C-alpha atoms as a PDB file:
ATOM      1  CA  UNK A   1     111.015 119.916 193.477  1.00  0.00           C
ATOM      2  CA  UNK A   2     109.001 117.751 195.857  1.00  0.00           C
ATOM      3  CA  UNK A   3     109.483 113.994 195.853  1.00  0.00           C
ATOM      4  CA  UNK A   4     106.813 111.781 197.395  1.00  0.00           C
ATOM      5  CA  UNK A   5     107.933 108.435 198.822  1.00  0.00           C
ATOM      6  CA  UNK A   6     106.085 105.812 200.871  1.00  0.00           C
ATOM      7  CA  UNK A   7     106.569 105.935 204.659  1.00  0.00           C
ATOM      8  CA  UNK A   8     108.387 102.600 204.628  1.00  0.00           C
ATOM      9  CA  UNK A   9     111.191 104.257 202.605  1.00  0.00           C
ATOM     10  CA  UNK A  10     112.020 106.565 205.539  1.00  0.00           C
ATOM     11  CA  UNK A  11     114.993 105.177 207.461  1.00  0.00           C
ATOM     12  CA  UNK A  12     116.145 108.140 209.564  1.00  0.00           C
ATOM     13  CA  UNK A  13     114.861 111.632 210.302  1.00  0.00           C
ATOM     14  CA  UNK A  14     116.092 114.461 212.483  1.00  0.00           C
ATOM     15  CA  UNK A  15     116.190 118.250 212.232  1.00  0.00           C
ATOM     16  CA  UNK A  16     119.090 118.205 209.734  1.00  0.00           C
ATOM     17  CA  UNK A  17     119.014 114.860 207.900  1.00  0.00           C
ATOM     18  CA  UNK A  18     116.409 112.771 206.110  1.00  0.00           C
ATOM     19  CA  UNK A  19     117.532 109.328 204.984  1.00  0.00           C
ATOM     20  CA  UNK A  20     115.385 107.231 202.689  1.00  0.00           C
ATOM     21  CA  UNK A  21     115.878 103.859 201.069  1.00  0.00           C
ATOM     22  CA  UNK A  22     115.078 103.931 197.364  1.00  0.00           C
ATOM     23  CA  UNK A  23     114.885 100.976 195.003  1.00  0.00           C
ATOM     24  CA  UNK A  24     117.809 101.110 192.584  1.00  0.00           C
ATOM     25  CA  UNK A  25     115.436 100.494 189.666  1.00  0.00           C
ATOM     26  CA  UNK A  26     113.645 103.723 190.508  1.00  0.00           C
ATOM     27  CA  UNK A  27     116.883 105.666 190.253  1.00  0.00           C
ATOM     28  CA  UNK A  28     117.627 104.180 186.852  1.00  0.00           C
ATOM     29  CA  UNK A  29     114.318 105.339 185.348  1.00  0.00           C
ATOM     30  CA  UNK A  30     114.471 108.133 182.830  1.00  0.00           C
ATOM     31  CA  UNK A  31     112.534 111.203 183.890  1.00  0.00           C
ATOM     32  CA  UNK A  32     110.855 113.468 181.359  1.00  0.00           C
ATOM     33  CA  UNK A  33     112.102 116.782 182.721  1.00  0.00           C
ATOM     34  CA  UNK A  34     109.724 118.705 180.459  1.00  0.00           C
ATOM     35  CA  UNK A  35     106.736 117.127 182.213  1.00  0.00           C
ATOM     36  CA  UNK A  36     108.179 118.129 185.581  1.00  0.00           C
ATOM     37  CA  UNK A  37     108.774 121.678 184.404  1.00  0.00           C
ATOM     38  CA  UNK A  38     105.179 121.978 183.209  1.00  0.00           C
ATOM     39  CA  UNK A  39     103.820 120.584 186.478  1.00  0.00           C
ATOM     40  CA  UNK A  40     105.972 122.919 188.571  1.00  0.00           C
ATOM     41  CA  UNK A  41     103.856 125.987 187.827  1.00  0.00           C
ATOM     42  CA  UNK A  42     100.359 124.497 187.589  1.00  0.00           C
ATOM     43  CA  UNK A  43      98.878 126.842 190.204  1.00  0.00           C
ATOM     44  CA  UNK A  44     100.971 129.890 189.262  1.00  0.00           C
ATOM     45  CA  UNK A  45      98.357 131.421 186.978  1.00  0.00           C
ATOM     46  CA  UNK A  46      95.795 131.192 189.796  1.00  0.00           C
ATOM     47  CA  UNK A  47      98.077 133.078 192.224  1.00  0.00           C
ATOM     48  CA  UNK A  48      97.827 130.259 194.787  1.00  0.00           C
ATOM     49  CA  UNK A  49     100.600 129.356 197.222  1.00  0.00           C
ATOM     50  CA  UNK A  50     100.912 125.600 196.757  1.00  0.00           C
ATOM     51  CA  UNK A  51     102.223 124.950 200.268  1.00  0.00           C
ATOM     52  CA  UNK A  52      99.435 126.926 201.931  1.00  0.00           C
ATOM     53  CA  UNK A  53      96.878 125.172 199.730  1.00  0.00           C
ATOM     54  CA  UNK A  54      98.278 121.791 200.787  1.00  0.00           C
ATOM     55  CA  UNK A  55      98.158 122.734 204.478  1.00  0.00           C
ATOM     56  CA  UNK A  56      94.543 123.895 204.123  1.00  0.00           C
ATOM     57  CA  UNK A  57      93.477 120.697 202.397  1.00  0.00           C
ATOM     58  CA  UNK A  58      95.218 118.530 204.990  1.00  0.00           C
ATOM     59  CA  UNK A  59      93.530 120.432 207.833  1.00  0.00           C
ATOM     60  CA  UNK A  60      90.171 119.468 206.346  1.00  0.00           C
ATOM     61  CA  UNK A  61      91.113 115.798 206.813  1.00  0.00           C
ATOM     62  CA  UNK A  62      92.359 116.212 210.401  1.00  0.00           C
ATOM     63  CA  UNK A  63      89.406 115.399 212.570  1.00  0.00           C
ATOM     64  CA  UNK A  64      89.026 114.968 216.275  1.00  0.00           C
ATOM     65  CA  UNK A  65      86.413 112.344 217.001  1.00  0.00           C
ATOM     66  CA  UNK A  66      84.985 112.330 220.494  1.00  0.00           C
ATOM     67  CA  UNK A  67      84.205 108.837 221.732  1.00  0.00           C
ATOM     68  CA  UNK A  68      81.754 108.552 224.592  1.00  0.00           C
END
């Protein structure tokens, strides 16, 4: 499972530990696990590696702009 949090939630990061600060109200929310299970395999039938797809898409946004 991948959890997306805003950058401001990141409090500490090294090669072994990631610490984030999460609003307590967020933790108390009920999660519809069935929706997560359905979303987990969205690309499976297309035989696409989700991580590789994400890396490819992000590379398209990385641009080097030459300023003269």
